[in-house]
Amino acid sequence: MVKKLIVGLVVAYVLQLVLENWFGIPVVNLLALSPTPGNLAVWQLVTYVLVDVGHPIMFLLGLLFIWWALSPFEIGYGPTRTWQLCMVALLSASIPAYVVGLLIPMSPPLFGSHPLWMCGIAAVAWLYRDQQMSLFGVMPMTAKQFLLLLLGMSLLMFLASKNHTQLVADLGAVAGGIGFVRWMKRPRTPRIARKPSARGRGLKVIRGGGSSEGEDRPKWLN
């Protein structure tokens, strides 16, 4: 599933470059999330991931992080749960970003695959929050410490770019990843089995059974 996702993002990025730069079609304005009052198209809540106006190297690094974050999750929980996590990532980033855009005028647009790998890393870190891990095989740390490092990186990016839309989207994606894992791991109450009704058992009572008169045992055979 992760491979299909990465291939799809690459195809979308190439189409964006061709349509924008060679045909003058404003694909970014159509698909990127514009968090300003009156400018929201509903599809932009999820389609912003299909466009990216950053440097191609940064786009490729984002794909690398997606593979690094989501592949272990897919191996452990399958493609269906991974698709669900991706949808949570998109919406948990775009909805808070749009709400903040309603409060702060002239908010920058939201685009790119950043929320996907932020949410994926947060989900995996929360799954293994009590275990020891290693950052690139060099620096040992717990999963909780790695999660704090991820949030600190988002804060540094905000201080450098002043892009509050991206910061809110990152925080929402991290919260979405943690919330999805908590929902997925919630204790499930066992279902109470229904007692089959006499009509639905599919059994017939056969009278008799060959017993002789005077015996106390029942005169039927189930």
N, C-alpha and C. Protein backbone atom coordinates (compact mmCIF):
# COMPACT_ATOMS: atom_id res chain seq x y z
N MET A 1 0.83 -1.20 0.00
CA MET A 1 0.00 0.00 0.00
C MET A 1 0.87 1.25 0.00
N VAL A 2 1.93 1.25 0.82
CA VAL A 2 2.81 2.42 0.90
C VAL A 2 3.50 2.67 -0.44
N LYS A 3 3.88 1.61 -1.13
CA LYS A 3 4.49 1.77 -2.45
C LYS A 3 3.51 2.43 -3.42
N LYS A 4 2.25 1.99 -3.40
CA LYS A 4 1.24 2.59 -4.28
C LYS A 4 1.04 4.07 -3.93
N LEU A 5 1.04 4.37 -2.64
CA LEU A 5 0.88 5.76 -2.22
C LEU A 5 2.03 6.63 -2.73
N ILE A 6 3.25 6.15 -2.61
CA ILE A 6 4.41 6.92 -3.05
C ILE A 6 4.39 7.10 -4.56
N VAL A 7 4.06 6.03 -5.30
CA VAL A 7 3.98 6.14 -6.75
C VAL A 7 2.90 7.15 -7.15
N GLY A 8 1.76 7.10 -6.48
CA GLY A 8 0.70 8.05 -6.78
C GLY A 8 1.10 9.49 -6.53
N LEU A 9 1.83 9.74 -5.44
CA LEU A 9 2.29 11.10 -5.15
C LEU A 9 3.31 11.58 -6.18
N VAL A 10 4.17 10.67 -6.64
CA VAL A 10 5.15 11.05 -7.67
C VAL A 10 4.44 11.41 -8.97
N VAL A 11 3.46 10.60 -9.37
CA VAL A 11 2.72 10.88 -10.59
C VAL A 11 1.99 12.22 -10.48
N ALA A 12 1.37 12.47 -9.33
CA ALA A 12 0.66 13.73 -9.13
C ALA A 12 1.61 14.92 -9.18
N TYR A 13 2.81 14.76 -8.62
CA TYR A 13 3.79 15.85 -8.62
C TYR A 13 4.27 16.17 -10.03
N VAL A 14 4.53 15.12 -10.81
CA VAL A 14 4.97 15.33 -12.20
C VAL A 14 3.87 16.00 -13.02
N LEU A 15 2.63 15.55 -12.84
CA LEU A 15 1.52 16.18 -13.56
C LEU A 15 1.35 17.64 -13.15
N GLN A 16 1.54 17.92 -11.88
CA GLN A 16 1.46 19.31 -11.43
C GLN A 16 2.50 20.18 -12.12
N LEU A 17 3.74 19.69 -12.19
CA LEU A 17 4.80 20.47 -12.83
C LEU A 17 4.50 20.70 -14.31
N VAL A 18 4.01 19.68 -14.98
CA VAL A 18 3.72 19.81 -16.41
C VAL A 18 2.56 20.78 -16.64
N LEU A 19 1.48 20.62 -15.88
CA LEU A 19 0.30 21.45 -16.09
C LEU A 19 0.54 22.90 -15.68
N GLU A 20 1.27 23.11 -14.60
CA GLU A 20 1.52 24.46 -14.12
C GLU A 20 2.54 25.19 -15.01
N ASN A 21 3.66 24.53 -15.26
CA ASN A 21 4.77 25.21 -15.93
C ASN A 21 4.67 25.23 -17.45
N TRP A 22 3.97 24.25 -18.04
CA TRP A 22 3.96 24.15 -19.49
C TRP A 22 2.62 24.49 -20.11
N PHE A 23 1.54 24.36 -19.34
CA PHE A 23 0.22 24.64 -19.89
C PHE A 23 -0.49 25.78 -19.16
N GLY A 24 0.10 26.26 -18.08
CA GLY A 24 -0.48 27.39 -17.37
C GLY A 24 -1.78 27.09 -16.64
N ILE A 25 -2.03 25.83 -16.32
CA ILE A 25 -3.24 25.45 -15.58
C ILE A 25 -2.96 25.58 -14.08
N PRO A 26 -3.72 26.38 -13.34
CA PRO A 26 -3.43 26.61 -11.91
C PRO A 26 -3.86 25.43 -11.04
N VAL A 27 -3.13 24.35 -11.14
CA VAL A 27 -3.47 23.15 -10.38
C VAL A 27 -3.30 23.38 -8.89
N VAL A 28 -2.25 24.11 -8.50
CA VAL A 28 -1.99 24.33 -7.08
C VAL A 28 -3.12 25.12 -6.44
N ASN A 29 -3.59 26.17 -7.10
CA ASN A 29 -4.69 26.95 -6.55
C ASN A 29 -5.98 26.14 -6.45
N LEU A 30 -6.12 25.16 -7.33
CA LEU A 30 -7.33 24.35 -7.32
C LEU A 30 -7.32 23.29 -6.23
N LEU A 31 -6.14 22.71 -5.94
CA LEU A 31 -6.06 21.57 -5.05
C LEU A 31 -5.50 21.90 -3.66
N ALA A 32 -4.65 22.90 -3.56
CA ALA A 32 -4.09 23.25 -2.25
C ALA A 32 -5.16 23.83 -1.34
N LEU A 33 -4.99 23.64 -0.04
CA LEU A 33 -5.97 24.14 0.93
C LEU A 33 -5.73 25.63 1.16
N SER A 34 -6.75 26.43 0.88
CA SER A 34 -6.68 27.87 1.11
C SER A 34 -7.48 28.19 2.36
N PRO A 35 -6.83 28.33 3.51
CA PRO A 35 -7.56 28.51 4.77
C PRO A 35 -8.01 29.95 5.00
N THR A 36 -8.83 30.44 4.11
CA THR A 36 -9.37 31.79 4.23
C THR A 36 -10.88 31.73 4.10
N PRO A 37 -11.61 32.62 4.77
CA PRO A 37 -13.08 32.58 4.72
C PRO A 37 -13.62 32.70 3.30
N GLY A 38 -14.52 31.81 2.97
CA GLY A 38 -15.19 31.87 1.67
C GLY A 38 -14.44 31.25 0.53
N ASN A 39 -13.21 30.75 0.76
CA ASN A 39 -12.41 30.21 -0.34
C ASN A 39 -12.24 28.70 -0.29
N LEU A 40 -12.92 28.05 0.65
CA LEU A 40 -12.72 26.62 0.81
C LEU A 40 -13.59 25.82 -0.16
N ALA A 41 -12.95 24.94 -0.91
CA ALA A 41 -13.64 23.89 -1.63
C ALA A 41 -13.44 22.61 -0.82
N VAL A 42 -14.50 21.84 -0.67
CA VAL A 42 -14.45 20.71 0.26
C VAL A 42 -13.33 19.74 -0.10
N TRP A 43 -13.09 19.54 -1.40
CA TRP A 43 -12.07 18.56 -1.80
C TRP A 43 -10.67 18.98 -1.36
N GLN A 44 -10.47 20.28 -1.10
CA GLN A 44 -9.14 20.74 -0.70
C GLN A 44 -8.71 20.20 0.66
N LEU A 45 -9.65 19.70 1.46
CA LEU A 45 -9.31 19.11 2.75
C LEU A 45 -8.45 17.86 2.61
N VAL A 46 -8.48 17.23 1.43
CA VAL A 46 -7.67 16.03 1.21
C VAL A 46 -6.75 16.16 -0.01
N THR A 47 -7.11 17.00 -0.99
CA THR A 47 -6.32 17.07 -2.22
C THR A 47 -5.04 17.88 -2.08
N TYR A 48 -4.89 18.59 -0.96
CA TYR A 48 -3.67 19.39 -0.81
C TYR A 48 -2.41 18.54 -0.81
N VAL A 49 -2.57 17.25 -0.49
CA VAL A 49 -1.41 16.37 -0.45
C VAL A 49 -0.89 16.07 -1.86
N LEU A 50 -1.69 16.34 -2.89
CA LEU A 50 -1.31 16.00 -4.26
C LEU A 50 -0.44 17.07 -4.91
N VAL A 51 -0.30 18.24 -4.30
CA VAL A 51 0.49 19.32 -4.89
C VAL A 51 1.56 19.75 -3.90
N ASP A 52 2.65 20.25 -4.45
CA ASP A 52 3.78 20.69 -3.63
C ASP A 52 4.56 21.73 -4.42
N VAL A 53 4.77 22.89 -3.80
CA VAL A 53 5.49 23.96 -4.50
C VAL A 53 6.92 24.11 -3.98
N GLY A 54 7.35 23.19 -3.13
CA GLY A 54 8.71 23.24 -2.62
C GLY A 54 9.72 22.71 -3.62
N HIS A 55 10.96 22.68 -3.20
CA HIS A 55 12.04 22.17 -4.06
C HIS A 55 11.86 20.67 -4.26
N PRO A 56 12.17 20.16 -5.47
CA PRO A 56 12.02 18.71 -5.71
C PRO A 56 12.79 17.85 -4.72
N ILE A 57 13.94 18.32 -4.23
CA ILE A 57 14.70 17.54 -3.25
C ILE A 57 13.88 17.38 -1.96
N MET A 58 13.23 18.44 -1.53
CA MET A 58 12.40 18.36 -0.33
C MET A 58 11.21 17.43 -0.56
N PHE A 59 10.67 17.45 -1.77
CA PHE A 59 9.58 16.53 -2.09
C PHE A 59 10.03 15.09 -1.99
N LEU A 60 11.20 14.78 -2.53
CA LEU A 60 11.72 13.42 -2.47
C LEU A 60 12.06 13.01 -1.04
N LEU A 61 12.55 13.93 -0.24
CA LEU A 61 12.81 13.63 1.17
C LEU A 61 11.51 13.32 1.91
N GLY A 62 10.44 14.03 1.55
CA GLY A 62 9.15 13.73 2.14
C GLY A 62 8.68 12.33 1.82
N LEU A 63 8.91 11.89 0.58
CA LEU A 63 8.55 10.52 0.22
C LEU A 63 9.38 9.50 1.00
N LEU A 64 10.64 9.82 1.22
CA LEU A 64 11.49 8.93 2.01
C LEU A 64 10.97 8.80 3.44
N PHE A 65 10.55 9.90 4.01
CA PHE A 65 10.00 9.87 5.36
C PHE A 65 8.68 9.11 5.40
N ILE A 66 7.87 9.23 4.35
CA ILE A 66 6.62 8.46 4.29
C ILE A 66 6.91 6.97 4.30
N TRP A 67 7.86 6.55 3.48
CA TRP A 67 8.23 5.13 3.46
C TRP A 67 8.77 4.68 4.81
N TRP A 68 9.60 5.51 5.43
CA TRP A 68 10.21 5.18 6.71
C TRP A 68 9.17 5.10 7.82
N ALA A 69 8.13 5.94 7.77
CA ALA A 69 7.16 6.00 8.86
C ALA A 69 6.02 5.01 8.68
N LEU A 70 5.51 4.87 7.45
CA LEU A 70 4.30 4.08 7.23
C LEU A 70 4.57 2.61 6.93
N SER A 71 5.74 2.28 6.40
CA SER A 71 6.01 0.88 6.08
C SER A 71 5.96 -0.03 7.31
N PRO A 72 6.61 0.33 8.43
CA PRO A 72 6.48 -0.54 9.61
C PRO A 72 5.05 -0.66 10.10
N PHE A 73 4.28 0.40 9.97
CA PHE A 73 2.88 0.34 10.40
C PHE A 73 2.09 -0.62 9.52
N GLU A 74 2.32 -0.58 8.21
CA GLU A 74 1.61 -1.49 7.31
C GLU A 74 2.01 -2.93 7.56
N ILE A 75 3.29 -3.17 7.84
CA ILE A 75 3.73 -4.54 8.11
C ILE A 75 3.04 -5.09 9.35
N GLY A 76 2.85 -4.23 10.34
CA GLY A 76 2.25 -4.70 11.58
C GLY A 76 0.74 -4.78 11.57
N TYR A 77 0.07 -3.89 10.81
CA TYR A 77 -1.38 -3.79 10.93
C TYR A 77 -2.12 -3.87 9.59
N GLY A 78 -1.41 -4.01 8.49
CA GLY A 78 -2.08 -4.25 7.22
C GLY A 78 -2.43 -2.98 6.47
N PRO A 79 -2.80 -3.13 5.19
CA PRO A 79 -3.07 -1.96 4.34
C PRO A 79 -4.33 -1.20 4.72
N THR A 80 -5.36 -1.89 5.22
CA THR A 80 -6.60 -1.19 5.55
C THR A 80 -6.38 -0.19 6.67
N ARG A 81 -5.73 -0.61 7.74
CA ARG A 81 -5.43 0.30 8.84
C ARG A 81 -4.50 1.43 8.38
N THR A 82 -3.61 1.13 7.46
CA THR A 82 -2.70 2.17 6.98
C THR A 82 -3.44 3.22 6.17
N TRP A 83 -4.39 2.79 5.32
CA TRP A 83 -5.22 3.75 4.60
C TRP A 83 -6.02 4.61 5.58
N GLN A 84 -6.56 3.99 6.61
CA GLN A 84 -7.31 4.74 7.61
C GLN A 84 -6.41 5.76 8.30
N LEU A 85 -5.19 5.37 8.62
CA LEU A 85 -4.25 6.30 9.24
C LEU A 85 -3.95 7.47 8.31
N CYS A 86 -3.81 7.21 7.02
CA CYS A 86 -3.54 8.29 6.07
C CYS A 86 -4.71 9.27 6.01
N MET A 87 -5.93 8.77 6.01
CA MET A 87 -7.09 9.66 5.99
C MET A 87 -7.17 10.49 7.26
N VAL A 88 -6.85 9.86 8.40
CA VAL A 88 -6.79 10.61 9.65
C VAL A 88 -5.72 11.69 9.57
N ALA A 89 -4.59 11.36 8.97
CA ALA A 89 -3.50 12.35 8.85
C ALA A 89 -3.95 13.55 8.02
N LEU A 90 -4.60 13.30 6.90
CA LEU A 90 -5.01 14.40 6.03
C LEU A 90 -6.02 15.31 6.72
N LEU A 91 -7.04 14.71 7.35
CA LEU A 91 -8.10 15.51 7.93
C LEU A 91 -7.68 16.16 9.25
N SER A 92 -6.89 15.45 10.05
CA SER A 92 -6.45 16.04 11.32
C SER A 92 -5.49 17.19 11.11
N ALA A 93 -4.89 17.28 9.93
CA ALA A 93 -4.03 18.42 9.61
C ALA A 93 -4.81 19.55 8.95
N SER A 94 -5.70 19.21 8.02
CA SER A 94 -6.37 20.25 7.23
C SER A 94 -7.48 20.95 8.00
N ILE A 95 -8.25 20.22 8.79
CA ILE A 95 -9.37 20.85 9.50
C ILE A 95 -8.89 21.89 10.51
N PRO A 96 -7.92 21.58 11.40
CA PRO A 96 -7.42 22.64 12.30
C PRO A 96 -6.76 23.79 11.55
N ALA A 97 -6.07 23.49 10.44
CA ALA A 97 -5.43 24.57 9.67
C ALA A 97 -6.48 25.51 9.10
N TYR A 98 -7.59 24.95 8.63
CA TYR A 98 -8.64 25.82 8.08
C TYR A 98 -9.31 26.64 9.18
N VAL A 99 -9.52 26.04 10.35
CA VAL A 99 -10.14 26.77 11.45
C VAL A 99 -9.26 27.94 11.88
N VAL A 100 -7.95 27.70 11.98
CA VAL A 100 -7.04 28.78 12.33
C VAL A 100 -7.01 29.84 11.24
N GLY A 101 -7.14 29.42 9.98
CA GLY A 101 -7.19 30.37 8.88
C GLY A 101 -8.38 31.29 8.96
N LEU A 102 -9.48 30.82 9.55
CA LEU A 102 -10.64 31.68 9.75
C LEU A 102 -10.38 32.77 10.78
N LEU A 103 -9.47 32.50 11.70
CA LEU A 103 -9.18 33.45 12.78
C LEU A 103 -8.04 34.40 12.44
N ILE A 104 -7.10 33.95 11.62
CA ILE A 104 -5.93 34.76 11.28
C ILE A 104 -6.02 35.12 9.79
N PRO A 105 -6.17 36.38 9.47
CA PRO A 105 -6.27 36.77 8.05
C PRO A 105 -4.99 36.47 7.28
N MET A 106 -5.14 36.25 6.00
CA MET A 106 -4.02 36.04 5.08
C MET A 106 -3.14 34.87 5.51
N SER A 107 -3.77 33.78 5.92
CA SER A 107 -2.99 32.59 6.28
C SER A 107 -2.45 31.93 5.02
N PRO A 108 -1.22 31.44 5.07
CA PRO A 108 -0.65 30.78 3.88
C PRO A 108 -1.36 29.47 3.60
N PRO A 109 -1.35 29.01 2.35
CA PRO A 109 -2.03 27.75 1.99
C PRO A 109 -1.28 26.53 2.54
N LEU A 110 -1.99 25.43 2.56
CA LEU A 110 -1.42 24.16 3.01
C LEU A 110 -1.29 23.24 1.81
N PHE A 111 -0.11 22.66 1.65
CA PHE A 111 0.14 21.74 0.54
C PHE A 111 1.23 20.77 0.96
N GLY A 112 1.39 19.70 0.20
CA GLY A 112 2.47 18.76 0.42
C GLY A 112 2.08 17.57 1.28
N SER A 113 2.99 16.59 1.33
CA SER A 113 2.76 15.33 2.03
C SER A 113 3.27 15.34 3.46
N HIS A 114 3.63 16.51 3.95
CA HIS A 114 4.18 16.62 5.30
C HIS A 114 3.32 15.95 6.36
N PRO A 115 2.00 16.18 6.40
CA PRO A 115 1.18 15.56 7.45
C PRO A 115 1.19 14.04 7.42
N LEU A 116 1.40 13.43 6.26
CA LEU A 116 1.39 11.97 6.19
C LEU A 116 2.50 11.36 7.02
N TRP A 117 3.72 11.84 6.82
CA TRP A 117 4.81 11.22 7.57
C TRP A 117 4.87 11.73 9.02
N MET A 118 4.38 12.94 9.28
CA MET A 118 4.30 13.39 10.67
C MET A 118 3.34 12.51 11.46
N CYS A 119 2.18 12.24 10.89
CA CYS A 119 1.19 11.39 11.54
C CYS A 119 1.70 9.96 11.67
N GLY A 120 2.37 9.46 10.62
CA GLY A 120 2.89 8.10 10.67
C GLY A 120 3.96 7.92 11.73
N ILE A 121 4.88 8.87 11.83
CA ILE A 121 5.93 8.79 12.84
C ILE A 121 5.32 8.86 14.23
N ALA A 122 4.34 9.76 14.42
CA ALA A 122 3.70 9.88 15.73
C ALA A 122 2.97 8.59 16.11
N ALA A 123 2.31 7.96 15.14
CA ALA A 123 1.60 6.72 15.43
C ALA A 123 2.56 5.61 15.83
N VAL A 124 3.65 5.44 15.09
CA VAL A 124 4.61 4.38 15.40
C VAL A 124 5.29 4.67 16.74
N ALA A 125 5.64 5.95 16.99
CA ALA A 125 6.28 6.29 18.26
C ALA A 125 5.35 6.03 19.44
N TRP A 126 4.06 6.30 19.26
CA TRP A 126 3.13 6.05 20.36
C TRP A 126 2.88 4.56 20.57
N LEU A 127 2.94 3.78 19.49
CA LEU A 127 2.79 2.34 19.62
C LEU A 127 3.91 1.75 20.46
N TYR A 128 5.11 2.26 20.29
CA TYR A 128 6.28 1.72 20.99
C TYR A 128 6.84 2.73 21.98
N ARG A 129 5.95 3.47 22.64
CA ARG A 129 6.38 4.58 23.48
C ARG A 129 7.17 4.14 24.71
N ASP A 130 7.01 2.88 25.13
CA ASP A 130 7.72 2.39 26.31
C ASP A 130 8.98 1.60 25.96
N GLN A 131 9.34 1.60 24.70
CA GLN A 131 10.51 0.83 24.27
C GLN A 131 11.65 1.75 23.89
N GLN A 132 12.86 1.21 23.98
CA GLN A 132 14.05 1.95 23.59
C GLN A 132 14.24 1.86 22.08
N MET A 133 14.63 2.96 21.47
CA MET A 133 14.88 2.98 20.04
C MET A 133 16.15 3.78 19.79
N SER A 134 16.57 3.80 18.54
CA SER A 134 17.79 4.49 18.17
C SER A 134 17.52 5.38 16.97
N LEU A 135 17.99 6.62 17.04
CA LEU A 135 17.84 7.57 15.95
C LEU A 135 18.94 7.36 14.94
N PHE A 136 18.57 6.77 13.79
CA PHE A 136 19.52 6.47 12.71
C PHE A 136 20.68 5.60 13.19
N GLY A 137 20.42 4.79 14.23
CA GLY A 137 21.45 3.90 14.74
C GLY A 137 22.57 4.59 15.49
N VAL A 138 22.40 5.84 15.86
CA VAL A 138 23.47 6.61 16.50
C VAL A 138 23.09 7.02 17.91
N MET A 139 21.92 7.65 18.06
CA MET A 139 21.53 8.24 19.34
C MET A 139 20.40 7.43 19.96
N PRO A 140 20.65 6.74 21.08
CA PRO A 140 19.57 6.00 21.73
C PRO A 140 18.60 6.95 22.42
N MET A 141 17.32 6.66 22.31
CA MET A 141 16.28 7.45 22.96
C MET A 141 15.00 6.64 23.02
N THR A 142 14.12 7.06 23.90
CA THR A 142 12.82 6.41 23.97
C THR A 142 11.92 6.97 22.88
N ALA A 143 10.83 6.27 22.64
CA ALA A 143 9.89 6.73 21.62
C ALA A 143 9.26 8.06 22.02
N LYS A 144 9.02 8.26 23.32
CA LYS A 144 8.47 9.53 23.77
C LYS A 144 9.44 10.68 23.51
N GLN A 145 10.72 10.44 23.74
CA GLN A 145 11.72 11.47 23.45
C GLN A 145 11.79 11.77 21.96
N PHE A 146 11.64 10.73 21.15
CA PHE A 146 11.63 10.95 19.70
C PHE A 146 10.42 11.77 19.28
N LEU A 147 9.29 11.54 19.93
CA LEU A 147 8.09 12.31 19.63
C LEU A 147 8.28 13.78 20.00
N LEU A 148 8.93 14.04 21.12
CA LEU A 148 9.23 15.42 21.50
C LEU A 148 10.20 16.06 20.50
N LEU A 149 11.15 15.28 20.01
CA LEU A 149 12.07 15.78 18.99
C LEU A 149 11.32 16.15 17.72
N LEU A 150 10.32 15.36 17.36
CA LEU A 150 9.51 15.65 16.18
C LEU A 150 8.76 16.97 16.34
N LEU A 151 8.17 17.18 17.51
CA LEU A 151 7.46 18.43 17.77
C LEU A 151 8.42 19.62 17.79
N GLY A 152 9.61 19.42 18.36
CA GLY A 152 10.60 20.49 18.36
C GLY A 152 11.06 20.86 16.96
N MET A 153 11.14 19.88 16.06
CA MET A 153 11.52 20.16 14.68
C MET A 153 10.45 21.00 14.00
N SER A 154 9.18 20.70 14.27
CA SER A 154 8.09 21.50 13.70
C SER A 154 8.13 22.93 14.21
N LEU A 155 8.46 23.09 15.48
CA LEU A 155 8.56 24.44 16.04
C LEU A 155 9.71 25.21 15.41
N LEU A 156 10.84 24.56 15.18
CA LEU A 156 11.97 25.23 14.53
C LEU A 156 11.61 25.65 13.10
N MET A 157 10.90 24.79 12.40
CA MET A 157 10.48 25.13 11.04
C MET A 157 9.54 26.34 11.05
N PHE A 158 8.69 26.42 12.07
CA PHE A 158 7.80 27.57 12.18
C PHE A 158 8.58 28.85 12.46
N LEU A 159 9.57 28.77 13.35
CA LEU A 159 10.37 29.95 13.66
C LEU A 159 11.15 30.44 12.45
N ALA A 160 11.51 29.51 11.57
CA ALA A 160 12.27 29.89 10.39
C ALA A 160 11.38 30.42 9.27
N SER A 161 10.17 29.88 9.14
CA SER A 161 9.32 30.24 8.01
C SER A 161 8.14 31.15 8.37
N LYS A 162 7.78 31.23 9.66
CA LYS A 162 6.61 31.98 10.13
C LYS A 162 5.31 31.45 9.52
N ASN A 163 5.33 30.21 9.11
CA ASN A 163 4.15 29.60 8.48
C ASN A 163 3.32 28.92 9.57
N HIS A 164 2.35 29.66 10.11
CA HIS A 164 1.54 29.08 11.19
C HIS A 164 0.59 28.01 10.68
N THR A 165 0.23 28.08 9.41
CA THR A 165 -0.62 27.03 8.84
C THR A 165 0.07 25.67 8.90
N GLN A 166 1.34 25.64 8.53
CA GLN A 166 2.09 24.38 8.56
C GLN A 166 2.27 23.88 9.99
N LEU A 167 2.51 24.80 10.92
CA LEU A 167 2.67 24.40 12.32
C LEU A 167 1.39 23.76 12.85
N VAL A 168 0.26 24.40 12.61
CA VAL A 168 -1.01 23.85 13.08
C VAL A 168 -1.28 22.50 12.42
N ALA A 169 -0.97 22.38 11.13
CA ALA A 169 -1.17 21.11 10.44
C ALA A 169 -0.28 20.02 11.03
N ASP A 170 0.97 20.35 11.36
CA ASP A 170 1.86 19.37 11.96
C ASP A 170 1.35 18.91 13.32
N LEU A 171 0.94 19.86 14.15
CA LEU A 171 0.43 19.50 15.47
C LEU A 171 -0.83 18.66 15.34
N GLY A 172 -1.71 19.03 14.40
CA GLY A 172 -2.91 18.23 14.19
C GLY A 172 -2.60 16.83 13.70
N ALA A 173 -1.61 16.69 12.81
CA ALA A 173 -1.23 15.37 12.31
C ALA A 173 -0.65 14.50 13.41
N VAL A 174 0.18 15.09 14.27
CA VAL A 174 0.74 14.33 15.39
C VAL A 174 -0.37 13.88 16.34
N ALA A 175 -1.27 14.80 16.66
CA ALA A 175 -2.40 14.43 17.52
C ALA A 175 -3.28 13.38 16.87
N GLY A 176 -3.46 13.48 15.55
CA GLY A 176 -4.26 12.47 14.85
C GLY A 176 -3.62 11.09 14.89
N GLY A 177 -2.29 11.03 14.72
CA GLY A 177 -1.61 9.73 14.79
C GLY A 177 -1.72 9.10 16.16
N ILE A 178 -1.54 9.90 17.22
CA ILE A 178 -1.66 9.37 18.58
C ILE A 178 -3.10 8.96 18.86
N GLY A 179 -4.06 9.80 18.46
CA GLY A 179 -5.46 9.47 18.69
C GLY A 179 -5.90 8.22 17.94
N PHE A 180 -5.40 8.03 16.71
CA PHE A 180 -5.77 6.84 15.95
C PHE A 180 -5.24 5.58 16.62
N VAL A 181 -4.02 5.62 17.13
CA VAL A 181 -3.46 4.45 17.81
C VAL A 181 -4.24 4.16 19.09
N ARG A 182 -4.58 5.20 19.83
CA ARG A 182 -5.36 5.00 21.06
C ARG A 182 -6.73 4.40 20.73
N TRP A 183 -7.35 4.86 19.64
CA TRP A 183 -8.62 4.28 19.23
C TRP A 183 -8.46 2.84 18.78
N MET A 184 -7.38 2.57 18.04
CA MET A 184 -7.16 1.23 17.52
C MET A 184 -6.86 0.24 18.65
N LYS A 185 -6.20 0.69 19.69
CA LYS A 185 -5.80 -0.17 20.81
C LYS A 185 -6.78 -0.11 21.98
N ARG A 186 -7.92 0.51 21.79
CA ARG A 186 -8.87 0.64 22.89
C ARG A 186 -9.36 -0.75 23.32
N PRO A 187 -9.65 -0.94 24.61
CA PRO A 187 -10.19 -2.24 25.04
C PRO A 187 -11.59 -2.44 24.50
N ARG A 188 -11.81 -3.58 23.94
CA ARG A 188 -13.10 -3.90 23.35
C ARG A 188 -13.89 -4.81 24.28
N THR A 189 -15.10 -4.43 24.56
CA THR A 189 -15.96 -5.26 25.40
C THR A 189 -16.48 -6.43 24.59
N PRO A 190 -16.44 -7.63 25.16
CA PRO A 190 -16.91 -8.81 24.40
C PRO A 190 -18.41 -8.73 24.15
N ARG A 191 -18.78 -9.17 22.99
CA ARG A 191 -20.19 -9.18 22.64
C ARG A 191 -20.91 -10.30 23.38
N ILE A 192 -22.11 -9.99 23.83
CA ILE A 192 -22.92 -10.98 24.52
C ILE A 192 -23.62 -11.84 23.47
N ALA A 193 -23.35 -13.13 23.54
CA ALA A 193 -23.93 -14.04 22.56
C ALA A 193 -25.43 -14.16 22.77
N ARG A 194 -26.16 -14.06 21.71
CA ARG A 194 -27.61 -14.21 21.78
C ARG A 194 -27.99 -15.69 21.92
N LYS A 195 -28.97 -15.92 22.77
CA LYS A 195 -29.46 -17.28 22.90
C LYS A 195 -30.33 -17.63 21.70
N PRO A 196 -30.05 -18.72 21.05
CA PRO A 196 -30.87 -19.07 19.88
C PRO A 196 -32.31 -19.37 20.29
N SER A 197 -33.23 -18.88 19.54
CA SER A 197 -34.64 -19.14 19.82
C SER A 197 -35.00 -20.56 19.43
N ALA A 198 -36.09 -21.01 20.03
CA ALA A 198 -36.51 -22.40 19.74
C ALA A 198 -36.87 -22.58 18.28
N ARG A 199 -37.38 -21.48 17.67
CA ARG A 199 -37.77 -21.57 16.27
C ARG A 199 -36.56 -21.65 15.35
N GLY A 200 -35.45 -21.02 15.76
CA GLY A 200 -34.30 -20.95 14.88
C GLY A 200 -33.28 -22.04 15.09
N ARG A 201 -33.55 -23.00 15.97
CA ARG A 201 -32.54 -24.02 16.21
C ARG A 201 -32.42 -25.01 15.07
N GLY A 202 -33.48 -25.19 14.33
CA GLY A 202 -33.42 -26.14 13.23
C GLY A 202 -33.50 -27.59 13.66
N LEU A 203 -33.96 -27.86 14.90
CA LEU A 203 -34.06 -29.23 15.41
C LEU A 203 -35.55 -29.59 15.55
N LYS A 204 -35.85 -30.84 15.30
CA LYS A 204 -37.21 -31.33 15.44
C LYS A 204 -37.28 -32.33 16.58
N VAL A 205 -38.38 -32.33 17.27
CA VAL A 205 -38.61 -33.29 18.35
C VAL A 205 -39.24 -34.55 17.76
N ILE A 206 -38.57 -35.65 17.97
CA ILE A 206 -39.07 -36.94 17.47
C ILE A 206 -39.71 -37.67 18.63
N ARG A 207 -41.00 -37.81 18.57
CA ARG A 207 -41.72 -38.48 19.64
C ARG A 207 -41.42 -39.98 19.63
N GLY A 208 -41.44 -40.58 20.80
CA GLY A 208 -41.23 -42.03 20.89
C GLY A 208 -39.81 -42.33 21.29
N GLY A 209 -39.16 -43.17 20.56
CA GLY A 209 -37.80 -43.55 20.89
C GLY A 209 -37.68 -45.00 21.24
N GLY A 210 -38.77 -45.74 21.18
CA GLY A 210 -38.69 -47.19 21.38
C GLY A 210 -38.69 -47.61 22.82
N SER A 211 -38.99 -46.68 23.76
CA SER A 211 -38.98 -47.08 25.16
C SER A 211 -40.24 -47.84 25.52
N SER A 212 -40.13 -48.73 26.44
CA SER A 212 -41.27 -49.54 26.86
C SER A 212 -42.06 -48.81 27.92
N GLU A 213 -43.30 -49.23 28.12
CA GLU A 213 -44.15 -48.59 29.10
C GLU A 213 -43.61 -48.85 30.50
N GLY A 214 -43.77 -47.89 31.38
CA GLY A 214 -43.33 -48.04 32.75
C GLY A 214 -41.98 -47.44 33.03
N GLU A 215 -41.18 -47.10 32.01
CA GLU A 215 -39.89 -46.48 32.24
C GLU A 215 -40.08 -45.01 32.56
N ASP A 216 -39.19 -44.48 33.41
CA ASP A 216 -39.29 -43.09 33.83
C ASP A 216 -38.57 -42.14 32.90
N ARG A 217 -37.73 -42.65 32.00
CA ARG A 217 -36.99 -41.73 31.14
C ARG A 217 -37.92 -41.09 30.13
N PRO A 218 -37.55 -39.92 29.59
CA PRO A 218 -38.44 -39.21 28.64
C PRO A 218 -38.71 -40.04 27.41
N LYS A 219 -39.83 -39.74 26.80
CA LYS A 219 -40.28 -40.49 25.62
C LYS A 219 -40.00 -39.72 24.35
N TRP A 220 -38.85 -39.06 24.26
CA TRP A 220 -38.49 -38.39 23.01
C TRP A 220 -37.00 -38.50 22.75
N LEU A 221 -36.61 -38.23 21.56
CA LEU A 221 -35.20 -38.29 21.15
C LEU A 221 -34.87 -36.99 20.43
N ASN A 222 -33.87 -36.25 20.91
CA ASN A 222 -33.44 -35.00 20.24
C ASN A 222 -32.45 -35.36 19.13
